[in-house]
Amino acid sequence: MKLNELADNPGATKERMRVGRGIGSGKGKTGGRGVKGQKSRSGVSINGFEGGQMPIYRRLPKRGFTKPNRKEYVVINVGNIQAAVEAGRLDASAPITEDLLVASGILRRKRDGVRLLGRGEVTTALNLEVTGASDTARQAIEKAGGTVTVRAPREDVAEQ
């Protein structure tokens, strides 16, 4: 077999339809675009235009506001931290900080801080230092004999 003898299986490829090549081709004159008007021209179709009717994006009301410099916290449940301690990824005797959670691979990044939530069971006495904690998370940690230290959020993000 030689390179010039290689060929695809019959029927495996289909030739593209060449439009606008005469009436006998089946796609002549208007080239499959219908008849005349703006949409038959190339590159001229107005998105969102509804023929003079008030467009839907103007009929619907605008609500709310998105703060451009809002804080984004990463959340973690106490059950996940307990599982990491049992798996040996965290040392329960030392204080568990946000940087330690990232370094151990439990969190990918800490963004503006880590917020602790209360889903899951805690059996080990843990000393946590986080940006925020829910009441249920705090109660679960303290019930197991640990402490939760809440520190101020990161301020290196410019306030506007």
C-alpha atoms as a PDB file:
ATOM      1  CA  MET A   1       0.000   0.000   0.000  1.00  0.00           C
ATOM      2  CA  LYS A   2       1.244   3.450  -0.892  1.00  0.00           C
ATOM      3  CA  LEU A   3       0.238   6.909   0.318  1.00  0.00           C
ATOM      4  CA  ASN A   4      -1.356   7.752  -3.017  1.00  0.00           C
ATOM      5  CA  GLU A   5      -3.522   4.623  -2.795  1.00  0.00           C
ATOM      6  CA  LEU A   6      -5.137   5.591   0.555  1.00  0.00           C
ATOM      7  CA  ALA A   7      -8.826   6.443   0.261  1.00  0.00           C
ATOM      8  CA  ASP A   8     -11.779   6.794   2.632  1.00  0.00           C
ATOM      9  CA  ASN A   9     -14.636   4.300   2.538  1.00  0.00           C
ATOM     10  CA  PRO A  10     -17.265   5.025  -0.095  1.00  0.00           C
ATOM     11  CA  GLY A  11     -19.997   7.260   1.373  1.00  0.00           C
ATOM     12  CA  ALA A  12     -17.936   8.239   4.432  1.00  0.00           C
ATOM     13  CA  THR A  13     -17.533  11.840   3.331  1.00  0.00           C
ATOM     14  CA  LYS A  14     -20.116  14.128   1.800  1.00  0.00           C
ATOM     15  CA  GLU A  15     -19.311  17.083  -0.463  1.00  0.00           C
ATOM     16  CA  ARG A  16     -20.518  20.428   0.874  1.00  0.00           C
ATOM     17  CA  MET A  17     -23.405  22.145  -0.889  1.00  0.00           C
ATOM     18  CA  ARG A  18     -22.187  25.061  -2.994  1.00  0.00           C
ATOM     19  CA  VAL A  19     -24.886  27.694  -2.833  1.00  0.00           C
ATOM     20  CA  GLY A  20     -25.621  30.380  -5.405  1.00  0.00           C
ATOM     21  CA  ARG A  21     -24.281  28.387  -8.372  1.00  0.00           C
ATOM     22  CA  GLY A  22     -27.250  28.481 -10.706  1.00  0.00           C
ATOM     23  CA  ILE A  23     -30.893  27.423 -10.669  1.00  0.00           C
ATOM     24  CA  GLY A  24     -30.101  23.849 -11.681  1.00  0.00           C
ATOM     25  CA  SER A  25     -28.083  23.216  -8.516  1.00  0.00           C
ATOM     26  CA  GLY A  26     -31.181  23.410  -6.311  1.00  0.00           C
ATOM     27  CA  LYS A  27     -29.545  26.151  -4.213  1.00  0.00           C
ATOM     28  CA  GLY A  28     -29.293  28.903  -6.800  1.00  0.00           C
ATOM     29  CA  LYS A  29     -30.628  32.467  -6.833  1.00  0.00           C
ATOM     30  CA  THR A  30     -31.377  33.063  -3.110  1.00  0.00           C
ATOM     31  CA  GLY A  31     -28.965  30.359  -1.894  1.00  0.00           C
ATOM     32  CA  GLY A  32     -31.392  28.787   0.596  1.00  0.00           C
ATOM     33  CA  ARG A  33     -32.011  32.083   2.415  1.00  0.00           C
ATOM     34  CA  GLY A  34     -35.602  32.620   1.301  1.00  0.00           C
ATOM     35  CA  VAL A  35     -36.571  35.799  -0.456  1.00  0.00           C
ATOM     36  CA  LYS A  36     -35.142  39.318  -0.336  1.00  0.00           C
ATOM     37  CA  GLY A  37     -35.012  41.565   2.701  1.00  0.00           C
ATOM     38  CA  GLN A  38     -32.535  42.178   5.496  1.00  0.00           C
ATOM     39  CA  LYS A  39     -32.105  38.539   6.501  1.00  0.00           C
ATOM     40  CA  SER A  40     -31.162  37.496   2.986  1.00  0.00           C
ATOM     41  CA  ARG A  41     -28.137  39.811   3.088  1.00  0.00           C
ATOM     42  CA  SER A  42     -24.876  38.724   4.686  1.00  0.00           C
ATOM     43  CA  GLY A  43     -23.917  40.042   8.107  1.00  0.00           C
ATOM     44  CA  VAL A  44     -27.120  42.047   8.727  1.00  0.00           C
ATOM     45  CA  SER A  45     -29.425  40.496  11.289  1.00  0.00           C
ATOM     46  CA  ILE A  46     -30.444  42.568  14.277  1.00  0.00           C
ATOM     47  CA  ASN A  47     -30.403  40.478  17.439  1.00  0.00           C
ATOM     48  CA  GLY A  48     -33.281  41.166  19.778  1.00  0.00           C
ATOM     49  CA  PHE A  49     -35.269  43.077  17.128  1.00  0.00           C
ATOM     50  CA  GLU A  50     -38.917  42.025  17.114  1.00  0.00           C
ATOM     51  CA  GLY A  51     -40.239  43.871  14.086  1.00  0.00           C
ATOM     52  CA  GLY A  52     -41.016  47.108  15.894  1.00  0.00           C
ATOM     53  CA  GLN A  53     -42.719  45.399  18.843  1.00  0.00           C
ATOM     54  CA  MET A  54     -41.169  46.350  22.171  1.00  0.00           C
ATOM     55  CA  PRO A  55     -38.389  43.726  22.645  1.00  0.00           C
ATOM     56  CA  ILE A  56     -38.596  41.335  25.581  1.00  0.00           C
ATOM     57  CA  TYR A  57     -35.426  42.704  27.171  1.00  0.00           C
ATOM     58  CA  ARG A  58     -37.146  46.107  27.386  1.00  0.00           C
ATOM     59  CA  ARG A  59     -40.557  44.757  28.433  1.00  0.00           C
ATOM     60  CA  LEU A  60     -39.195  42.989  31.520  1.00  0.00           C
ATOM     61  CA  PRO A  61     -38.309  45.078  34.568  1.00  0.00           C
ATOM     62  CA  LYS A  62     -34.785  45.343  35.913  1.00  0.00           C
ATOM     63  CA  ARG A  63     -34.370  44.437  39.569  1.00  0.00           C
ATOM     64  CA  GLY A  64     -31.573  44.405  42.073  1.00  0.00           C
ATOM     65  CA  PHE A  65     -27.956  45.396  42.137  1.00  0.00           C
ATOM     66  CA  THR A  66     -24.710  43.429  42.053  1.00  0.00           C
ATOM     67  CA  LYS A  67     -22.021  44.940  44.245  1.00  0.00           C
ATOM     68  CA  PRO A  68     -18.799  44.973  42.194  1.00  0.00           C
ATOM     69  CA  ASN A  69     -16.454  44.633  45.198  1.00  0.00           C
ATOM     70  CA  ARG A  70     -18.430  42.129  47.278  1.00  0.00           C
ATOM     71  CA  LYS A  71     -16.596  39.612  49.448  1.00  0.00           C
ATOM     72  CA  GLU A  72     -16.537  36.019  48.229  1.00  0.00           C
ATOM     73  CA  TYR A  73     -16.075  33.419  50.937  1.00  0.00           C
ATOM     74  CA  VAL A  74     -15.191  29.766  50.483  1.00  0.00           C
ATOM     75  CA  VAL A  75     -17.442  27.512  52.573  1.00  0.00           C
ATOM     76  CA  ILE A  76     -16.489  24.271  54.293  1.00  0.00           C
ATOM     77  CA  ASN A  77     -18.517  22.044  56.583  1.00  0.00           C
ATOM     78  CA  VAL A  78     -17.284  20.740  59.930  1.00  0.00           C
ATOM     79  CA  GLY A  79     -17.882  17.179  58.686  1.00  0.00           C
ATOM     80  CA  ASN A  80     -15.309  17.673  55.907  1.00  0.00           C
ATOM     81  CA  ILE A  81     -12.707  18.882  58.419  1.00  0.00           C
ATOM     82  CA  GLN A  82     -13.442  15.898  60.696  1.00  0.00           C
ATOM     83  CA  ALA A  83     -13.032  13.523  57.723  1.00  0.00           C
ATOM     84  CA  ALA A  84      -9.675  15.161  56.859  1.00  0.00           C
ATOM     85  CA  VAL A  85      -8.477  14.734  60.463  1.00  0.00           C
ATOM     86  CA  GLU A  86      -9.475  11.058  60.432  1.00  0.00           C
ATOM     87  CA  ALA A  87      -7.738  10.554  57.077  1.00  0.00           C
ATOM     88  CA  GLY A  88      -4.529  12.076  58.485  1.00  0.00           C
ATOM     89  CA  ARG A  89      -4.506  15.132  56.226  1.00  0.00           C
ATOM     90  CA  LEU A  90      -4.828  17.520  59.193  1.00  0.00           C
ATOM     91  CA  ASP A  91      -3.260  17.491  62.648  1.00  0.00           C
ATOM     92  CA  ALA A  92      -5.989  18.068  65.255  1.00  0.00           C
ATOM     93  CA  SER A  93      -3.523  19.045  68.002  1.00  0.00           C
ATOM     94  CA  ALA A  94      -2.287  22.148  66.133  1.00  0.00           C
ATOM     95  CA  PRO A  95      -4.493  25.145  65.263  1.00  0.00           C
ATOM     96  CA  ILE A  96      -6.189  24.699  61.883  1.00  0.00           C
ATOM     97  CA  THR A  97      -5.890  27.889  59.827  1.00  0.00           C
ATOM     98  CA  GLU A  98      -7.207  28.807  56.396  1.00  0.00           C
ATOM     99  CA  ASP A  99      -3.709  28.545  54.907  1.00  0.00           C
ATOM    100  CA  LEU A 100      -3.361  25.052  56.371  1.00  0.00           C
ATOM    101  CA  LEU A 101      -6.674  23.988  54.764  1.00  0.00           C
ATOM    102  CA  VAL A 102      -5.410  25.175  51.375  1.00  0.00           C
ATOM    103  CA  ALA A 103      -1.959  23.607  51.836  1.00  0.00           C
ATOM    104  CA  SER A 104      -3.466  20.221  52.772  1.00  0.00           C
ATOM    105  CA  GLY A 105      -5.609  20.263  49.609  1.00  0.00           C
ATOM    106  CA  ILE A 106      -8.984  20.365  51.375  1.00  0.00           C
ATOM    107  CA  LEU A 107      -9.720  23.769  49.839  1.00  0.00           C
ATOM    108  CA  ARG A 108      -8.499  24.940  46.462  1.00  0.00           C
ATOM    109  CA  ARG A 109      -8.233  28.629  47.423  1.00  0.00           C
ATOM    110  CA  LYS A 110      -9.371  30.876  50.232  1.00  0.00           C
ATOM    111  CA  ARG A 111     -10.545  33.931  48.233  1.00  0.00           C
ATOM    112  CA  ASP A 112     -11.657  36.595  50.781  1.00  0.00           C
ATOM    113  CA  GLY A 113     -11.801  34.097  53.631  1.00  0.00           C
ATOM    114  CA  VAL A 114     -13.212  30.760  54.763  1.00  0.00           C
ATOM    115  CA  ARG A 115     -16.661  30.403  56.313  1.00  0.00           C
ATOM    116  CA  LEU A 116     -17.382  27.368  58.479  1.00  0.00           C
ATOM    117  CA  LEU A 117     -20.788  25.686  58.229  1.00  0.00           C
ATOM    118  CA  GLY A 118     -22.323  23.124  60.573  1.00  0.00           C
ATOM    119  CA  ARG A 119     -23.184  20.090  58.416  1.00  0.00           C
ATOM    120  CA  GLY A 120     -21.637  16.852  59.682  1.00  0.00           C
ATOM    121  CA  GLU A 121     -20.463  15.395  62.990  1.00  0.00           C
ATOM    122  CA  VAL A 122     -17.393  16.431  65.002  1.00  0.00           C
ATOM    123  CA  THR A 123     -15.791  14.032  67.457  1.00  0.00           C
ATOM    124  CA  THR A 124     -12.301  15.530  67.765  1.00  0.00           C
ATOM    125  CA  ALA A 125     -11.432  18.688  69.696  1.00  0.00           C
ATOM    126  CA  LEU A 126     -10.434  21.117  66.949  1.00  0.00           C
ATOM    127  CA  ASN A 127      -8.952  24.619  67.202  1.00  0.00           C
ATOM    128  CA  LEU A 128     -10.048  26.513  64.090  1.00  0.00           C
ATOM    129  CA  GLU A 129      -9.103  30.006  62.895  1.00  0.00           C
ATOM    130  CA  VAL A 130     -11.502  31.138  60.147  1.00  0.00           C
ATOM    131  CA  THR A 131     -13.073  34.320  58.766  1.00  0.00           C
ATOM    132  CA  GLY A 132     -16.634  33.325  59.641  1.00  0.00           C
ATOM    133  CA  ALA A 133     -18.627  30.541  61.259  1.00  0.00           C
ATOM    134  CA  SER A 134     -22.311  29.738  61.575  1.00  0.00           C
ATOM    135  CA  ASP A 135     -23.832  29.258  65.022  1.00  0.00           C
ATOM    136  CA  THR A 136     -24.408  25.532  64.418  1.00  0.00           C
ATOM    137  CA  ALA A 137     -20.776  25.046  63.370  1.00  0.00           C
ATOM    138  CA  ARG A 138     -19.520  26.924  66.416  1.00  0.00           C
ATOM    139  CA  GLN A 139     -21.767  24.887  68.751  1.00  0.00           C
ATOM    140  CA  ALA A 140     -20.678  21.582  67.166  1.00  0.00           C
ATOM    141  CA  ILE A 141     -16.969  22.407  67.592  1.00  0.00           C
ATOM    142  CA  GLU A 142     -17.396  23.634  71.183  1.00  0.00           C
ATOM    143  CA  LYS A 143     -19.512  20.575  72.073  1.00  0.00           C
ATOM    144  CA  ALA A 144     -16.579  18.367  70.975  1.00  0.00           C
ATOM    145  CA  GLY A 145     -14.211  20.385  73.189  1.00  0.00           C
ATOM    146  CA  GLY A 146     -12.661  22.639  70.535  1.00  0.00           C
ATOM    147  CA  THR A 147     -12.586  26.363  69.842  1.00  0.00           C
ATOM    148  CA  VAL A 148     -13.439  28.580  66.880  1.00  0.00           C
ATOM    149  CA  THR A 149     -11.555  31.862  66.439  1.00  0.00           C
ATOM    150  CA  VAL A 150     -13.224  34.245  63.989  1.00  0.00           C
ATOM    151  CA  ARG A 151     -10.868  36.803  62.470  1.00  0.00           C
ATOM    152  CA  ALA A 152     -11.599  39.856  60.311  1.00  0.00           C
ATOM    153  CA  PRO A 153     -11.986  39.308  56.541  1.00  0.00           C
ATOM    154  CA  ARG A 154      -9.096  40.069  54.179  1.00  0.00           C
ATOM    155  CA  GLU A 155      -8.720  43.756  53.475  1.00  0.00           C
ATOM    156  CA  ASP A 156      -6.136  43.557  50.667  1.00  0.00           C
ATOM    157  CA  VAL A 157      -9.031  43.743  48.178  1.00  0.00           C
ATOM    158  CA  ALA A 158      -9.457  47.452  47.440  1.00  0.00           C
ATOM    159  CA  GLU A 159     -12.663  48.891  48.894  1.00  0.00           C
ATOM    160  CA  GLN A 160     -14.477  51.301  46.597  1.00  0.00           C
END
